[in-house]
Amino acid sequence: MITLHGFAASNYYNIVKHALLYKEIPFEENLVFAGSDALLTVSPMGKVPAITTDDGVNLSESSVICDFLEDTYPDTPLYPKSATERATVRQIMKIAELYFELPCRRLIPYLFSGTDAPNALKEEVRQVLTRGIIALNRLCQYSPWIAGRAFTMADIYVHSVNTVVSACAPSQLDWDVLAEINGMKEWRNTMRQSDIAQKIEADRLANMPEFMTHIKTQMQAAQPK
């Protein structure tokens, strides 16, 4: 059985978890936080998520893991058969990561500490998000799914990315970024209604208190003595 290492408050962890649940692949979860010695035994960078495969191989990086799951368990596909359509799905995923998730991630320390990010940083994040909004407005189809008629990895990926965006942008930038992308909020509501998405969200909320305790401990340890 596959072991999924990480913690449910992580959106990258939940990308892999969503794929496992959608494909109905048996797995067990091992709660471990980023940067810990325990995680370093299965993830060379100490990053979440990581998996241990049925034959004992450790893999990290969510995109690598999801590609492995797609190759190993093809009966319930999350990518189209056409190479062009697969590339389109990956293009949406990459843009969502680079121009949505990663800029907002720069605001997370301020969100966790309850402080306001510097104006210069806010402006940098706004500029990158604006580019992402333009790109996703051009690429996302919502017919009914984000890349077209079929549910794909792009739906899972963007849904998890939006967890970070919707947490950081309104509080730090006073900006409802998702409202800037035509059809995004309606699609997101559809995604939230699935049993898998509801389970993942319930697990995420249940893990948040322990995760925040871990973060506060790390922040206290990092303070000058």
Protein backbone atom coordinates (compact mmCIF):
# COMPACT_ATOMS: atom_id res chain seq x y z
CA MET A 1 0.00 0.00 0.00
CA ILE A 2 1.18 3.52 -0.77
CA THR A 3 2.07 5.73 2.19
CA LEU A 4 1.43 9.47 1.80
CA HIS A 5 3.75 11.52 4.01
CA GLY A 6 2.94 15.07 5.03
CA PHE A 7 0.11 16.97 6.63
CA ALA A 8 -3.44 17.84 5.62
CA ALA A 9 -3.02 21.61 6.01
CA SER A 10 -0.67 21.59 2.99
CA ASN A 11 -2.26 22.33 -0.38
CA TYR A 12 0.49 20.38 -2.18
CA TYR A 13 -0.20 17.38 0.05
CA ASN A 14 -3.88 17.67 -0.81
CA ILE A 15 -3.18 17.68 -4.54
CA VAL A 16 -1.68 14.20 -4.24
CA LYS A 17 -4.34 13.09 -1.75
CA HIS A 18 -7.11 14.20 -4.12
CA ALA A 19 -5.53 12.25 -6.99
CA LEU A 20 -5.22 9.13 -4.83
CA LEU A 21 -8.85 9.35 -3.74
CA TYR A 22 -10.13 10.09 -7.24
CA LYS A 23 -8.25 7.14 -8.69
CA GLU A 24 -9.40 4.97 -5.74
CA ILE A 25 -5.84 3.92 -4.96
CA PRO A 26 -5.44 2.37 -1.49
CA PHE A 27 -3.12 4.45 0.70
CA GLU A 28 -2.34 5.33 4.28
CA GLU A 29 -1.31 8.70 5.69
CA ASN A 30 1.75 9.44 7.80
CA LEU A 31 1.54 12.78 9.60
CA VAL A 32 4.90 14.53 9.39
CA PHE A 33 5.75 18.22 9.08
CA ALA A 34 8.08 19.88 6.57
CA GLY A 35 11.74 20.11 7.50
CA SER A 36 11.58 17.38 10.15
CA ASP A 37 14.17 14.62 10.43
CA ALA A 38 11.41 12.07 9.88
CA LEU A 39 10.45 13.66 6.56
CA LEU A 40 14.08 13.82 5.42
CA THR A 41 14.15 10.02 5.45
CA VAL A 42 11.61 9.93 2.61
CA SER A 43 12.00 13.36 0.97
CA PRO A 44 15.52 14.53 0.02
CA MET A 45 14.59 18.22 0.42
CA GLY A 46 12.45 17.66 3.49
CA LYS A 47 9.42 18.92 1.58
CA VAL A 48 5.78 17.84 1.69
CA PRO A 49 4.38 15.73 0.15
CA ALA A 50 6.27 12.50 -0.33
CA ILE A 51 5.09 8.96 -0.91
CA THR A 52 6.50 5.52 -0.33
CA THR A 53 5.38 3.22 -3.13
CA ASP A 54 4.19 -0.35 -2.80
CA ASP A 55 7.72 -1.56 -3.53
CA GLY A 56 9.37 0.78 -1.02
CA VAL A 57 10.56 3.57 -3.32
CA ASN A 58 10.35 7.10 -1.91
CA LEU A 59 9.19 9.91 -4.22
CA SER A 60 8.75 13.62 -3.56
CA GLU A 61 7.42 16.73 -5.38
CA SER A 62 3.67 16.73 -6.02
CA SER A 63 3.93 16.90 -9.83
CA VAL A 64 6.35 13.97 -9.90
CA ILE A 65 4.12 11.92 -7.62
CA CYS A 66 1.01 12.68 -9.67
CA ASP A 67 2.79 11.68 -12.88
CA PHE A 68 3.80 8.43 -11.20
CA LEU A 69 0.22 7.77 -10.12
CA GLU A 70 -1.03 8.47 -13.65
CA ASP A 71 1.52 6.11 -15.21
CA THR A 72 1.03 3.37 -12.63
CA TYR A 73 -2.75 3.56 -12.26
CA PRO A 74 -4.05 4.54 -15.74
CA ASP A 75 -7.55 3.03 -15.43
CA THR A 76 -8.99 6.28 -14.04
CA PRO A 77 -7.06 8.89 -16.02
CA LEU A 78 -6.50 12.47 -14.95
CA TYR A 79 -4.87 13.52 -18.22
CA PRO A 80 -6.31 13.38 -21.75
CA LYS A 81 -4.94 10.89 -24.29
CA SER A 82 -3.95 13.59 -26.79
CA ALA A 83 -0.45 14.98 -26.24
CA THR A 84 -1.69 18.46 -27.10
CA GLU A 85 -4.56 18.25 -24.63
CA ARG A 86 -2.22 16.90 -21.93
CA ALA A 87 0.10 19.84 -22.54
CA THR A 88 -2.84 22.23 -22.23
CA VAL A 89 -3.73 20.73 -18.85
CA ARG A 90 -0.13 21.06 -17.66
CA GLN A 91 0.03 24.63 -18.97
CA ILE A 92 -2.91 25.62 -16.78
CA MET A 93 -1.30 23.88 -13.80
CA LYS A 94 2.04 25.59 -14.32
CA ILE A 95 0.54 29.06 -14.71
CA ALA A 96 -1.61 28.54 -11.61
CA GLU A 97 1.51 27.56 -9.67
CA LEU A 98 3.87 30.29 -10.91
CA TYR A 99 1.45 33.20 -11.16
CA PHE A 100 -1.11 32.37 -8.47
CA GLU A 101 0.15 30.05 -5.75
CA LEU A 102 3.81 31.04 -5.46
CA PRO A 103 3.31 34.83 -5.28
CA CYS A 104 0.60 34.42 -2.64
CA ARG A 105 2.84 32.02 -0.73
CA ARG A 106 5.19 34.95 -0.11
CA LEU A 107 2.44 36.46 2.04
CA ILE A 108 1.93 33.39 4.24
CA PRO A 109 4.44 34.38 6.98
CA TYR A 110 2.55 37.65 7.48
CA LEU A 111 -0.79 35.84 7.46
CA PHE A 112 0.40 33.40 10.14
CA SER A 113 1.97 36.10 12.30
CA GLY A 114 -1.04 38.41 12.00
CA THR A 115 1.12 41.23 10.64
CA ASP A 116 0.90 43.32 7.49
CA ALA A 117 3.24 42.57 4.59
CA PRO A 118 5.49 45.43 3.41
CA ASN A 119 3.94 47.55 0.67
CA ALA A 120 6.80 46.77 -1.71
CA LEU A 121 6.15 43.05 -1.37
CA LYS A 122 2.41 43.56 -1.81
CA GLU A 123 3.02 45.45 -5.04
CA GLU A 124 5.30 42.70 -6.37
CA VAL A 125 2.67 40.07 -5.58
CA ARG A 126 -0.07 42.15 -7.19
CA GLN A 127 1.91 42.47 -10.41
CA VAL A 128 2.47 38.72 -10.68
CA LEU A 129 -1.14 37.91 -9.80
CA THR A 130 -2.35 40.33 -12.48
CA ARG A 131 -0.38 38.37 -15.09
CA GLY A 132 -1.88 35.13 -13.78
CA ILE A 133 -5.40 36.52 -13.97
CA ILE A 134 -4.94 37.50 -17.61
CA ALA A 135 -3.50 34.09 -18.51
CA LEU A 136 -6.13 32.03 -16.69
CA ASN A 137 -8.94 34.10 -18.19
CA ARG A 138 -7.58 33.10 -21.58
CA LEU A 139 -7.00 29.42 -20.80
CA CYS A 140 -9.73 28.20 -18.42
CA GLN A 141 -12.80 26.81 -20.18
CA TYR A 142 -15.24 25.66 -17.46
CA SER A 143 -17.13 23.52 -19.95
CA PRO A 144 -17.83 22.20 -17.38
CA TRP A 145 -14.29 21.53 -16.14
CA ILE A 146 -11.35 23.85 -16.17
CA ALA A 147 -9.69 22.36 -19.26
CA GLY A 148 -12.83 21.27 -21.09
CA ARG A 149 -15.32 18.42 -20.98
CA ALA A 150 -13.25 16.04 -18.85
CA PHE A 151 -12.23 16.33 -15.20
CA THR A 152 -8.42 16.49 -15.17
CA MET A 153 -5.42 17.07 -12.97
CA ALA A 154 -5.81 20.79 -13.70
CA ASP A 155 -9.08 20.80 -11.73
CA ILE A 156 -7.40 19.20 -8.72
CA TYR A 157 -4.36 21.44 -8.98
CA VAL A 158 -6.15 24.78 -9.34
CA HIS A 159 -8.64 23.86 -6.62
CA SER A 160 -5.77 23.34 -4.17
CA VAL A 161 -3.91 26.43 -5.38
CA ASN A 162 -7.01 28.51 -4.68
CA THR A 163 -6.82 27.54 -1.01
CA VAL A 164 -3.67 29.61 -0.68
CA VAL A 165 -4.85 32.44 -2.92
CA SER A 166 -8.18 32.85 -1.13
CA ALA A 167 -6.46 32.82 2.27
CA CYS A 168 -3.75 35.37 1.47
CA ALA A 169 -5.03 37.83 -1.14
CA PRO A 170 -8.17 39.13 0.65
CA SER A 171 -6.44 39.55 4.02
CA GLN A 172 -3.09 40.94 2.83
CA LEU A 173 -4.04 42.67 -0.42
CA ASP A 174 -7.72 43.44 0.22
CA TRP A 175 -8.35 41.79 -3.14
CA ASP A 176 -10.77 39.05 -4.14
CA VAL A 177 -8.51 37.64 -6.82
CA LEU A 178 -10.74 34.70 -7.75
CA ALA A 179 -13.54 37.11 -8.68
CA GLU A 180 -11.27 38.52 -11.39
CA ILE A 181 -11.35 35.25 -13.37
CA ASN A 182 -14.58 34.69 -15.27
CA GLY A 183 -16.26 31.47 -14.15
CA MET A 184 -13.71 30.64 -11.45
CA LYS A 185 -16.01 31.05 -8.45
CA GLU A 186 -18.84 29.04 -10.02
CA TRP A 187 -16.41 26.25 -10.92
CA ARG A 188 -14.94 26.36 -7.42
CA ASN A 189 -18.39 25.91 -5.89
CA THR A 190 -18.90 22.83 -8.08
CA MET A 191 -15.53 21.43 -7.00
CA ARG A 192 -16.39 21.97 -3.33
CA GLN A 193 -19.53 19.86 -3.64
CA SER A 194 -17.71 16.61 -4.42
CA ASP A 195 -17.35 14.03 -1.63
CA ILE A 196 -13.58 13.97 -2.15
CA ALA A 197 -13.19 17.73 -1.86
CA GLN A 198 -15.36 17.80 1.25
CA LYS A 199 -13.30 15.05 2.91
CA ILE A 200 -10.04 16.83 2.08
CA GLU A 201 -11.36 20.12 3.42
CA ALA A 202 -12.59 18.47 6.64
CA ASP A 203 -9.18 16.86 7.13
CA ARG A 204 -7.44 20.17 6.37
CA LEU A 205 -9.46 22.04 8.98
CA ALA A 206 -8.92 19.28 11.54
CA ASN A 207 -5.15 19.45 11.02
CA MET A 208 -4.88 23.25 11.18
CA PRO A 209 -4.61 23.61 15.00
CA GLU A 210 -1.72 21.14 15.17
CA PHE A 211 -0.08 22.74 12.14
CA MET A 212 -0.37 26.25 13.63
CA THR A 213 1.15 25.00 16.89
CA HIS A 214 4.03 23.59 14.87
CA ILE A 215 4.48 26.91 13.02
CA LYS A 216 4.48 28.93 16.25
CA THR A 217 7.08 26.60 17.76
CA GLN A 218 9.27 27.06 14.69
CA MET A 219 8.91 30.85 14.79
CA GLN A 220 9.82 30.96 18.47
CA ALA A 221 12.86 28.76 17.87
CA ALA A 222 14.01 31.08 15.08
CA GLN A 223 13.91 34.20 17.25
CA PRO A 224 17.28 35.54 18.46
CA LYS A 225 18.16 34.40 21.95
